[in-house]
All heavy atoms as atom14 arrays in JSON, in Angstrom:
{
  "sequence": "TSLEEHREFGGNPDVDVAYQYLTYFVEDDKEIEDLAVGYRKGE",
  "atom14_mask": [
    [1, 1, 1, 1, 1, 1, 1, 0, 0, 0, 0, 0, 0, 0],
    [1, 1, 1, 1, 1, 1, 0, 0, 0, 0, 0, 0, 0, 0],
    [1, 1, 1, 1, 1, 1, 1, 1, 0, 0, 0, 0, 0, 0],
    [1, 1, 1, 1, 1, 1, 1, 1, 1, 0, 0, 0, 0, 0],
    [1, 1, 1, 1, 1, 1, 1, 1, 1, 0, 0, 0, 0, 0],
    [1, 1, 1, 1, 1, 1, 1, 1, 1, 1, 0, 0, 0, 0],
    [1, 1, 1, 1, 1, 1, 1, 1, 1, 1, 1, 0, 0, 0],
    [1, 1, 1, 1, 1, 1, 1, 1, 1, 0, 0, 0, 0, 0],
    [1, 1, 1, 1, 1, 1, 1, 1, 1, 1, 1, 0, 0, 0],
    [1, 1, 1, 1, 0, 0, 0, 0, 0, 0, 0, 0, 0, 0],
    [1, 1, 1, 1, 0, 0, 0, 0, 0, 0, 0, 0, 0, 0],
    [1, 1, 1, 1, 1, 1, 1, 1, 0, 0, 0, 0, 0, 0],
    [1, 1, 1, 1, 1, 1, 1, 0, 0, 0, 0, 0, 0, 0],
    [1, 1, 1, 1, 1, 1, 1, 1, 0, 0, 0, 0, 0, 0],
    [1, 1, 1, 1, 1, 1, 1, 0, 0, 0, 0, 0, 0, 0],
    [1, 1, 1, 1, 1, 1, 1, 1, 0, 0, 0, 0, 0, 0],
    [1, 1, 1, 1, 1, 1, 1, 0, 0, 0, 0, 0, 0, 0],
    [1, 1, 1, 1, 1, 0, 0, 0, 0, 0, 0, 0, 0, 0],
    [1, 1, 1, 1, 1, 1, 1, 1, 1, 1, 1, 1, 0, 0],
    [1, 1, 1, 1, 1, 1, 1, 1, 1, 0, 0, 0, 0, 0],
    [1, 1, 1, 1, 1, 1, 1, 1, 1, 1, 1, 1, 0, 0],
    [1, 1, 1, 1, 1, 1, 1, 1, 0, 0, 0, 0, 0, 0],
    [1, 1, 1, 1, 1, 1, 1, 0, 0, 0, 0, 0, 0, 0],
    [1, 1, 1, 1, 1, 1, 1, 1, 1, 1, 1, 1, 0, 0],
    [1, 1, 1, 1, 1, 1, 1, 1, 1, 1, 1, 0, 0, 0],
    [1, 1, 1, 1, 1, 1, 1, 0, 0, 0, 0, 0, 0, 0],
    [1, 1, 1, 1, 1, 1, 1, 1, 1, 0, 0, 0, 0, 0],
    [1, 1, 1, 1, 1, 1, 1, 1, 0, 0, 0, 0, 0, 0],
    [1, 1, 1, 1, 1, 1, 1, 1, 0, 0, 0, 0, 0, 0],
    [1, 1, 1, 1, 1, 1, 1, 1, 1, 0, 0, 0, 0, 0],
    [1, 1, 1, 1, 1, 1, 1, 1, 1, 0, 0, 0, 0, 0],
    [1, 1, 1, 1, 1, 1, 1, 1, 0, 0, 0, 0, 0, 0],
    [1, 1, 1, 1, 1, 1, 1, 1, 1, 0, 0, 0, 0, 0],
    [1, 1, 1, 1, 1, 1, 1, 1, 0, 0, 0, 0, 0, 0],
    [1, 1, 1, 1, 1, 1, 1, 1, 0, 0, 0, 0, 0, 0],
    [1, 1, 1, 1, 1, 0, 0, 0, 0, 0, 0, 0, 0, 0],
    [1, 1, 1, 1, 1, 1, 1, 0, 0, 0, 0, 0, 0, 0],
    [1, 1, 1, 1, 0, 0, 0, 0, 0, 0, 0, 0, 0, 0],
    [1, 1, 1, 1, 1, 1, 1, 1, 1, 1, 1, 1, 0, 0],
    [1, 1, 1, 1, 1, 1, 1, 1, 1, 1, 1, 0, 0, 0],
    [1, 1, 1, 1, 1, 1, 1, 1, 1, 0, 0, 0, 0, 0],
    [1, 1, 1, 1, 0, 0, 0, 0, 0, 0, 0, 0, 0, 0],
    [1, 1, 1, 1, 1, 1, 1, 1, 1, 0, 0, 0, 0, 0]
  ],
  "atom14_positions": [
    [[-4.85, 2.15, -12.36], [-4.39, 2.25, -13.75], [-2.88, 2.45, -13.85], [-2.29, 2.2, -14.89], [-5.1, 3.41, -14.46], [-4.9, 4.63, -13.71], [-6.59, 3.13, -14.58], [0.0, 0.0, 0.0], [0.0, 0.0, 0.0], [0.0, 0.0, 0.0], [0.0, 0.0, 0.0], [0.0, 0.0, 0.0], [0.0, 0.0, 0.0], [0.0, 0.0, 0.0]],
    [[-2.25, 2.91, -12.79], [-0.79, 3.08, -12.79], [-0.23, 2.61, -11.46], [-0.95, 2.53, -10.45], [-0.41, 4.55, -13.01], [-0.76, 5.34, -11.89], [0.0, 0.0, 0.0], [0.0, 0.0, 0.0], [0.0, 0.0, 0.0], [0.0, 0.0, 0.0], [0.0, 0.0, 0.0], [0.0, 0.0, 0.0], [0.0, 0.0, 0.0], [0.0, 0.0, 0.0]],
    [[1.06, 2.27, -11.46], [1.7, 1.81, -10.23], [1.68, 2.91, -9.17], [1.47, 2.64, -7.98], [3.14, 1.37, -10.53], [3.96, 0.88, -9.32], [3.28, -0.33, -8.68], [5.39, 0.54, -9.75], [0.0, 0.0, 0.0], [0.0, 0.0, 0.0], [0.0, 0.0, 0.0], [0.0, 0.0, 0.0], [0.0, 0.0, 0.0], [0.0, 0.0, 0.0]],
    [[1.88, 4.15, -9.62], [1.89, 5.27, -8.66], [0.53, 5.39, -7.96], [0.47, 5.57, -6.73], [2.21, 6.59, -9.4], [3.64, 6.71, -9.91], [3.89, 5.84, -11.14], [2.89, 5.41, -11.8], [5.06, 5.57, -11.44], [0.0, 0.0, 0.0], [0.0, 0.0, 0.0], [0.0, 0.0, 0.0], [0.0, 0.0, 0.0], [0.0, 0.0, 0.0]],
    [[-0.55, 5.32, -8.74], [-1.88, 5.39, -8.14], [-2.14, 4.21, -7.21], [-2.75, 4.36, -6.14], [-2.96, 5.42, -9.22], [-3.08, 6.74, -9.94], [-4.27, 6.75, -10.89], [-5.12, 5.84, -10.8], [-4.36, 7.67, -11.72], [0.0, 0.0, 0.0], [0.0, 0.0, 0.0], [0.0, 0.0, 0.0], [0.0, 0.0, 0.0], [0.0, 0.0, 0.0]],
    [[-1.67, 3.05, -7.62], [-1.89, 1.86, -6.81], [-1.16, 1.98, -5.48], [-1.72, 1.64, -4.42], [-1.41, 0.61, -7.57], [-1.75, -0.68, -6.88], [-2.98, -1.31, -7.02], [-1.04, -1.44, -6.01], [-3.0, -2.4, -6.28], [-1.83, -2.51, -5.66], [0.0, 0.0, 0.0], [0.0, 0.0, 0.0], [0.0, 0.0, 0.0], [0.0, 0.0, 0.0]],
    [[0.05, 2.47, -5.51], [0.81, 2.63, -4.26], [0.13, 3.64, -3.35], [0.14, 3.5, -2.13], [2.24, 3.11, -4.58], [3.12, 2.09, -5.27], [3.39, 0.88, -4.42], [4.43, 0.02, -5.0], [4.65, -1.23, -4.62], [3.89, -1.78, -3.68], [5.6, -1.94, -5.18], [0.0, 0.0, 0.0], [0.0, 0.0, 0.0], [0.0, 0.0, 0.0]],
    [[-0.47, 4.66, -3.95], [-1.09, 5.72, -3.14], [-2.48, 5.34, -2.62], [-2.79, 5.56, -1.45], [-1.2, 7.0, -3.96], [-1.79, 8.17, -3.17], [-1.81, 9.47, -3.96], [-1.33, 9.48, -5.11], [-2.3, 10.48, -3.41], [0.0, 0.0, 0.0], [0.0, 0.0, 0.0], [0.0, 0.0, 0.0], [0.0, 0.0, 0.0], [0.0, 0.0, 0.0]],
    [[-3.29, 4.76, -3.51], [-4.68, 4.52, -3.14], [-5.02, 3.04, -2.86], [-6.07, 2.75, -2.31], [-5.61, 5.04, -4.25], [-5.45, 6.5, -4.52], [-4.85, 6.94, -5.68], [-5.9, 7.45, -3.6], [-4.7, 8.29, -5.95], [-5.76, 8.8, -3.85], [-5.15, 9.23, -5.03], [0.0, 0.0, 0.0], [0.0, 0.0, 0.0], [0.0, 0.0, 0.0]],
    [[-4.14, 2.16, -3.3], [-4.39, 0.74, -3.08], [-5.37, 0.16, -4.08], [-5.97, 0.85, -4.9], [0.0, 0.0, 0.0], [0.0, 0.0, 0.0], [0.0, 0.0, 0.0], [0.0, 0.0, 0.0], [0.0, 0.0, 0.0], [0.0, 0.0, 0.0], [0.0, 0.0, 0.0], [0.0, 0.0, 0.0], [0.0, 0.0, 0.0], [0.0, 0.0, 0.0]],
    [[-5.53, -1.17, -4.02], [-6.43, -1.87, -4.93], [-7.62, -2.47, -4.21], [-7.75, -2.35, -2.99], [0.0, 0.0, 0.0], [0.0, 0.0, 0.0], [0.0, 0.0, 0.0], [0.0, 0.0, 0.0], [0.0, 0.0, 0.0], [0.0, 0.0, 0.0], [0.0, 0.0, 0.0], [0.0, 0.0, 0.0], [0.0, 0.0, 0.0], [0.0, 0.0, 0.0]],
    [[-8.47, -3.12, -4.97], [-9.7, -3.71, -4.41], [-9.65, -5.23, -4.59], [-9.94, -5.75, -5.68], [-10.93, -3.13, -5.11], [-12.22, -3.69, -4.55], [-12.22, -4.48, -3.59], [-13.35, -3.31, -5.13], [0.0, 0.0, 0.0], [0.0, 0.0, 0.0], [0.0, 0.0, 0.0], [0.0, 0.0, 0.0], [0.0, 0.0, 0.0], [0.0, 0.0, 0.0]],
    [[-9.31, -5.97, -3.54], [-9.23, -7.43, -3.67], [-10.58, -8.1, -3.89], [-10.65, -9.23, -4.36], [-8.61, -7.87, -2.34], [-8.98, -6.79, -1.38], [-8.98, -5.52, -2.18], [0.0, 0.0, 0.0], [0.0, 0.0, 0.0], [0.0, 0.0, 0.0], [0.0, 0.0, 0.0], [0.0, 0.0, 0.0], [0.0, 0.0, 0.0], [0.0, 0.0, 0.0]],
    [[-11.65, -7.38, -3.56], [-12.99, -7.96, -3.7], [-13.37, -8.22, -5.16], [-14.24, -9.04, -5.43], [-14.04, -7.06, -3.05], [-13.84, -6.93, -1.55], [-13.29, -7.87, -0.94], [-14.23, -5.88, -0.98], [0.0, 0.0, 0.0], [0.0, 0.0, 0.0], [0.0, 0.0, 0.0], [0.0, 0.0, 0.0], [0.0, 0.0, 0.0], [0.0, 0.0, 0.0]],
    [[-12.74, -7.51, -6.08], [-13.03, -7.71, -7.51], [-11.82, -8.27, -8.25], [-11.93, -8.57, -9.44], [-13.5, -6.4, -8.18], [-14.78, -5.89, -7.53], [-12.4, -5.33, -8.14], [0.0, 0.0, 0.0], [0.0, 0.0, 0.0], [0.0, 0.0, 0.0], [0.0, 0.0, 0.0], [0.0, 0.0, 0.0], [0.0, 0.0, 0.0], [0.0, 0.0, 0.0]],
    [[-10.71, -8.39, -7.58], [-9.49, -8.87, -8.2], [-9.55, -10.39, -8.34], [-9.63, -11.12, -7.35], [-8.27, -8.47, -7.35], [-6.96, -8.75, -8.05], [-6.45, -9.89, -7.91], [-6.46, -7.85, -8.73], [0.0, 0.0, 0.0], [0.0, 0.0, 0.0], [0.0, 0.0, 0.0], [0.0, 0.0, 0.0], [0.0, 0.0, 0.0], [0.0, 0.0, 0.0]],
    [[-9.55, -10.89, -9.57], [-9.74, -12.32, -9.82], [-8.6, -13.16, -9.26], [-8.81, -14.24, -8.7], [-9.94, -12.59, -11.32], [-9.84, -14.08, -11.64], [-11.3, -12.05, -11.76], [0.0, 0.0, 0.0], [0.0, 0.0, 0.0], [0.0, 0.0, 0.0], [0.0, 0.0, 0.0], [0.0, 0.0, 0.0], [0.0, 0.0, 0.0], [0.0, 0.0, 0.0]],
    [[-7.37, -12.69, -9.4], [-6.23, -13.44, -8.86], [-6.4, -13.64, -7.35], [-6.17, -14.75, -6.83], [-4.93, -12.72, -9.16], [0.0, 0.0, 0.0], [0.0, 0.0, 0.0], [0.0, 0.0, 0.0], [0.0, 0.0, 0.0], [0.0, 0.0, 0.0], [0.0, 0.0, 0.0], [0.0, 0.0, 0.0], [0.0, 0.0, 0.0], [0.0, 0.0, 0.0]],
    [[-6.79, -12.58, -6.65], [-7.02, -12.73, -5.22], [-8.19, -13.66, -4.93], [-8.11, -14.51, -4.03], [-7.29, -11.36, -4.58], [-7.68, -11.47, -3.12], [-6.72, -11.68, -2.14], [-9.02, -11.41, -2.73], [-7.08, -11.82, -0.81], [-9.39, -11.55, -1.4], [-8.41, -11.75, -0.45], [-8.77, -11.9, 0.87], [0.0, 0.0, 0.0], [0.0, 0.0, 0.0]],
    [[-9.26, -13.53, -5.69], [-10.42, -14.38, -5.48], [-10.06, -15.85, -5.65], [-10.51, -16.71, -4.88], [-11.55, -14.0, -6.45], [-12.16, -12.64, -6.18], [-12.74, -12.52, -4.77], [-13.41, -13.43, -4.3], [-12.47, -11.4, -4.12], [0.0, 0.0, 0.0], [0.0, 0.0, 0.0], [0.0, 0.0, 0.0], [0.0, 0.0, 0.0], [0.0, 0.0, 0.0]],
    [[-9.24, -16.16, -6.65], [-8.81, -17.55, -6.85], [-7.98, -18.04, -5.66], [-8.11, -19.19, -5.23], [-7.99, -17.67, -8.14], [-8.83, -17.82, -9.39], [-10.12, -17.29, -9.47], [-8.35, -18.48, -10.51], [-10.89, -17.41, -10.61], [-9.12, -18.62, -11.67], [-10.38, -18.08, -11.71], [-11.16, -18.21, -12.84], [0.0, 0.0, 0.0], [0.0, 0.0, 0.0]],
    [[-7.14, -17.16, -5.13], [-6.32, -17.55, -3.99], [-7.17, -17.91, -2.77], [-6.81, -18.79, -1.99], [-5.34, -16.42, -3.64], [-4.19, -16.24, -4.63], [-3.44, -14.95, -4.35], [-3.22, -17.43, -4.56], [0.0, 0.0, 0.0], [0.0, 0.0, 0.0], [0.0, 0.0, 0.0], [0.0, 0.0, 0.0], [0.0, 0.0, 0.0], [0.0, 0.0, 0.0]],
    [[-8.32, -17.24, -2.62], [-9.18, -17.55, -1.47], [-9.73, -18.97, -1.55], [-10.12, -19.55, -0.52], [-10.36, -16.56, -1.36], [-11.22, -16.7, -2.49], [-9.87, -15.12, -1.24], [0.0, 0.0, 0.0], [0.0, 0.0, 0.0], [0.0, 0.0, 0.0], [0.0, 0.0, 0.0], [0.0, 0.0, 0.0], [0.0, 0.0, 0.0], [0.0, 0.0, 0.0]],
    [[-9.76, -19.56, -2.73], [-10.22, -20.93, -2.89], [-9.1, -21.94, -2.66], [-9.35, -23.04, -2.16], [-10.77, -21.15, -4.32], [-12.12, -20.55, -4.58], [-12.24, -19.21, -4.95], [-13.28, -21.31, -4.48], [-13.48, -18.65, -5.21], [-14.52, -20.76, -4.74], [-14.62, -19.43, -5.11], [-15.85, -18.88, -5.36], [0.0, 0.0, 0.0], [0.0, 0.0, 0.0]],
    [[-7.88, -21.59, -3.04], [-6.82, -22.59, -3.09], [-5.75, -22.44, -2.01], [-4.94, -23.34, -1.85], [-6.16, -22.57, -4.47], [-7.09, -22.99, -5.58], [-7.72, -22.05, -6.38], [-7.37, -24.33, -5.79], [-8.59, -22.44, -7.39], [-8.24, -24.73, -6.8], [-8.85, -23.78, -7.59], [0.0, 0.0, 0.0], [0.0, 0.0, 0.0], [0.0, 0.0, 0.0]],
    [[-5.72, -21.34, -1.3], [-4.78, -21.17, -0.2], [-5.52, -21.43, 1.11], [-6.51, -20.78, 1.41], [-4.17, -19.75, -0.2], [-3.33, -19.53, 1.05], [-3.33, -19.53, -1.45], [0.0, 0.0, 0.0], [0.0, 0.0, 0.0], [0.0, 0.0, 0.0], [0.0, 0.0, 0.0], [0.0, 0.0, 0.0], [0.0, 0.0, 0.0], [0.0, 0.0, 0.0]],
    [[-5.03, -22.4, 1.87], [-5.73, -22.79, 3.1], [-5.35, -21.93, 4.3], [-6.03, -21.96, 5.32], [-5.44, -24.26, 3.4], [-5.99, -25.22, 2.34], [-5.8, -26.67, 2.73], [-5.33, -26.92, 3.85], [-6.11, -27.54, 1.9], [0.0, 0.0, 0.0], [0.0, 0.0, 0.0], [0.0, 0.0, 0.0], [0.0, 0.0, 0.0], [0.0, 0.0, 0.0]],
    [[-4.26, -21.19, 4.19], [-3.79, -20.35, 5.3], [-4.6, -19.06, 5.34], [-4.43, -18.16, 4.52], [-2.3, -20.04, 5.09], [-1.69, -19.31, 6.28], [-2.45, -18.72, 7.08], [-0.45, -19.32, 6.42], [0.0, 0.0, 0.0], [0.0, 0.0, 0.0], [0.0, 0.0, 0.0], [0.0, 0.0, 0.0], [0.0, 0.0, 0.0], [0.0, 0.0, 0.0]],
    [[-5.51, -18.96, 6.31], [-6.37, -17.78, 6.42], [-5.57, -16.5, 6.66], [-5.95, -15.42, 6.18], [-7.38, -17.96, 7.55], [-8.44, -19.0, 7.22], [-8.58, -19.34, 6.03], [-9.1, -19.5, 8.16], [0.0, 0.0, 0.0], [0.0, 0.0, 0.0], [0.0, 0.0, 0.0], [0.0, 0.0, 0.0], [0.0, 0.0, 0.0], [0.0, 0.0, 0.0]],
    [[-4.46, -16.62, 7.39], [-3.66, -15.42, 7.67], [-3.02, -14.89, 6.38], [-2.96, -13.68, 6.18], [-2.57, -15.73, 8.69], [-1.81, -14.46, 9.14], [-0.81, -14.76, 10.23], [-0.19, -13.47, 10.77], [0.34, -12.58, 9.7], [0.0, 0.0, 0.0], [0.0, 0.0, 0.0], [0.0, 0.0, 0.0], [0.0, 0.0, 0.0], [0.0, 0.0, 0.0]],
    [[-2.55, -15.79, 5.54], [-1.97, -15.33, 4.27], [-3.02, -14.61, 3.43], [-2.74, -13.56, 2.84], [-1.4, -16.5, 3.46], [-0.81, -16.03, 2.14], [-0.26, -17.15, 1.28], [-0.21, -18.29, 1.74], [0.13, -16.87, 0.12], [0.0, 0.0, 0.0], [0.0, 0.0, 0.0], [0.0, 0.0, 0.0], [0.0, 0.0, 0.0], [0.0, 0.0, 0.0]],
    [[-4.22, -15.17, 3.38], [-5.3, -14.53, 2.62], [-5.6, -13.14, 3.17], [-5.76, -12.18, 2.42], [-6.56, -15.41, 2.65], [-6.34, -16.71, 1.87], [-7.76, -14.67, 2.09], [-6.02, -16.51, 0.4], [0.0, 0.0, 0.0], [0.0, 0.0, 0.0], [0.0, 0.0, 0.0], [0.0, 0.0, 0.0], [0.0, 0.0, 0.0], [0.0, 0.0, 0.0]],
    [[-5.65, -13.04, 4.48], [-5.92, -11.75, 5.11], [-4.8, -10.76, 4.83], [-5.04, -9.59, 4.5], [-6.1, -11.92, 6.62], [-6.42, -10.62, 7.35], [-6.56, -10.81, 8.85], [-6.47, -11.96, 9.32], [-6.74, -9.79, 9.55], [0.0, 0.0, 0.0], [0.0, 0.0, 0.0], [0.0, 0.0, 0.0], [0.0, 0.0, 0.0], [0.0, 0.0, 0.0]],
    [[-3.56, -11.22, 4.93], [-2.41, -10.34, 4.69], [-2.38, -9.87, 3.24], [-2.03, -8.71, 2.95], [-1.1, -11.08, 5.01], [-0.92, -11.31, 6.52], [-1.64, -10.66, 7.3], [-0.07, -12.15, 6.88], [0.0, 0.0, 0.0], [0.0, 0.0, 0.0], [0.0, 0.0, 0.0], [0.0, 0.0, 0.0], [0.0, 0.0, 0.0], [0.0, 0.0, 0.0]],
    [[-2.73, -10.74, 2.3], [-2.78, -10.35, 0.91], [-3.82, -9.26, 0.67], [-3.57, -8.29, -0.05], [-3.09, -11.57, 0.03], [-1.96, -12.58, -0.16], [-2.5, -13.85, -0.81], [-0.83, -11.99, -1.0], [0.0, 0.0, 0.0], [0.0, 0.0, 0.0], [0.0, 0.0, 0.0], [0.0, 0.0, 0.0], [0.0, 0.0, 0.0], [0.0, 0.0, 0.0]],
    [[-4.99, -9.43, 1.29], [-6.05, -8.44, 1.11], [-5.65, -7.1, 1.71], [-5.83, -6.04, 1.08], [-7.35, -8.95, 1.76], [0.0, 0.0, 0.0], [0.0, 0.0, 0.0], [0.0, 0.0, 0.0], [0.0, 0.0, 0.0], [0.0, 0.0, 0.0], [0.0, 0.0, 0.0], [0.0, 0.0, 0.0], [0.0, 0.0, 0.0], [0.0, 0.0, 0.0]],
    [[-5.1, -7.13, 2.92], [-4.7, -5.88, 3.58], [-3.59, -5.2, 2.79], [-3.63, -3.98, 2.54], [-4.23, -6.18, 5.02], [-3.59, -4.93, 5.64], [-5.4, -6.64, 5.87], [0.0, 0.0, 0.0], [0.0, 0.0, 0.0], [0.0, 0.0, 0.0], [0.0, 0.0, 0.0], [0.0, 0.0, 0.0], [0.0, 0.0, 0.0], [0.0, 0.0, 0.0]],
    [[-2.6, -5.98, 2.36], [-1.49, -5.41, 1.61], [-1.93, -4.84, 0.28], [-1.41, -3.81, -0.18], [0.0, 0.0, 0.0], [0.0, 0.0, 0.0], [0.0, 0.0, 0.0], [0.0, 0.0, 0.0], [0.0, 0.0, 0.0], [0.0, 0.0, 0.0], [0.0, 0.0, 0.0], [0.0, 0.0, 0.0], [0.0, 0.0, 0.0], [0.0, 0.0, 0.0]],
    [[-2.89, -5.48, -0.35], [-3.4, -5.0, -1.64], [-4.17, -3.7, -1.47], [-4.02, -2.76, -2.26], [-4.29, -6.08, -2.25], [-4.51, -5.96, -3.73], [-3.43, -6.02, -4.62], [-5.78, -5.8, -4.26], [-3.63, -5.94, -5.99], [-5.99, -5.72, -5.63], [-4.91, -5.79, -6.49], [-5.1, -5.69, -7.84], [0.0, 0.0, 0.0], [0.0, 0.0, 0.0]],
    [[-4.99, -3.65, -0.42], [-5.76, -2.42, -0.18], [-4.85, -1.24, 0.16], [-5.17, -0.09, -0.17], [-6.77, -2.65, 0.95], [-7.95, -3.52, 0.57], [-9.04, -3.47, 1.63], [-10.23, -4.19, 1.2], [-10.5, -5.45, 1.53], [-9.67, -6.11, 2.32], [-11.59, -6.03, 1.08], [0.0, 0.0, 0.0], [0.0, 0.0, 0.0], [0.0, 0.0, 0.0]],
    [[-3.72, -1.52, 0.81], [-2.79, -0.46, 1.17], [-1.86, -0.08, 0.02], [-1.13, 0.92, 0.12], [-1.94, -0.89, 2.37], [-2.7, -0.98, 3.68], [-1.76, -1.39, 4.8], [-2.47, -1.41, 6.15], [-1.55, -1.83, 7.25], [0.0, 0.0, 0.0], [0.0, 0.0, 0.0], [0.0, 0.0, 0.0], [0.0, 0.0, 0.0], [0.0, 0.0, 0.0]],
    [[-1.88, -0.86, -1.04], [-0.98, -0.59, -2.16], [0.4, -1.18, -1.96], [1.31, -0.94, -2.76], [0.0, 0.0, 0.0], [0.0, 0.0, 0.0], [0.0, 0.0, 0.0], [0.0, 0.0, 0.0], [0.0, 0.0, 0.0], [0.0, 0.0, 0.0], [0.0, 0.0, 0.0], [0.0, 0.0, 0.0], [0.0, 0.0, 0.0], [0.0, 0.0, 0.0]],
    [[0.6, -1.95, -0.91], [1.9, -2.56, -0.64], [2.14, -3.76, -1.56], [3.28, -4.12, -1.85], [1.99, -3.0, 0.83], [1.9, -1.83, 1.8], [1.73, -2.28, 3.24], [1.56, -3.51, 3.46], [1.78, -1.44, 4.15], [0.0, 0.0, 0.0], [0.0, 0.0, 0.0], [0.0, 0.0, 0.0], [0.0, 0.0, 0.0], [0.0, 0.0, 0.0]]
  ]
}
């Protein structure tokens, strides 16, 4: 709900629609993995 919380606790890419769309249209598996990891860490 806030940037501070997101930086501390991270987000959930499994329900994030923008991330889900990227898994369909980005062919680079490493980029998809890095996005998920970075999102979960709040980076």
